[in-house]
């Protein structure tokens, strides 16, 4: 019997891959040059749906639930969500899947992981793609100096408080629903919304996502220097990561292509999938 996911995506692989003492739930689509798609908060693999459909005929897409999310393991303790472990998860996952010369595309926290991965393991990457995820060094500066970004990031400071995640469960995830469905430019359909709610209901998933913020506020071991060709796509209607984080990027990224996307929110891959897919294809196919 054909499942709903098969109706949407056609053929795909679904695996639980052991990495460093935990298991990651991983969806894989297509054949060709490997490209990791790393989601952020409060997302999960399915948030890449529209890009998967547009890219799967030309690339091998590796789309995990990151640790702490949806169907991946959710280890207890803030220390289990430090950036070094999140980066290691992706490196080990690539090794387990016998992949080399791959590219990484990250959104939100997935982008934070991707920035750190590119600094630590530039020789493993072909190219880096960032969607509405601030460069950690630039972001830290903007939190100190830019009042608009500080206000937009107010939710982060709430997460850092004891039991700061509790409010996210209230009124059937009302805050999470607004943060995703209420701030996007393009409307989500009812099936997509139901998938998000199902992911948020997974035991430990909300706390796992919040622990990313609690474990990683300093990035002290991160110089920020990126020596991998990098494409940054930024939705200019983002309510959480303002365009101020684009200032000074070229001081850290040696080979930078920066695209400001006018009619896109934080959920840029949902709002403008055709535009984003074309930019990704052109970038990855450019051997110049």
Foldseek 3Di string as FASTA:
>chain_A
DDDPVCVQQPDKDWDFPDFPHWTKTKIKAADEAEEEEAEAPPDAQCLLSLLCNVCRHHYIYIGIGFALWFPIHDDDDLQCQALVNSLRRVVVVCVVVVHAQHEYEYAAVRQQSQLQNQVVCVRRYQAYEYEHYFQLVLLLVCCVPPPQLVVLQVLLVLLQDVVSLVVCPPPLRVVVCCLPQVQWLDHDDPVVVVVSSNGVPDPRNSVSNSSNSNNDNPVPVPPLAGAHAYEYEYECSESRRHPSSVPPNCVRYVHYDYHYDDRTYSSRCVRCVVVVSVVVVVVVVDPD
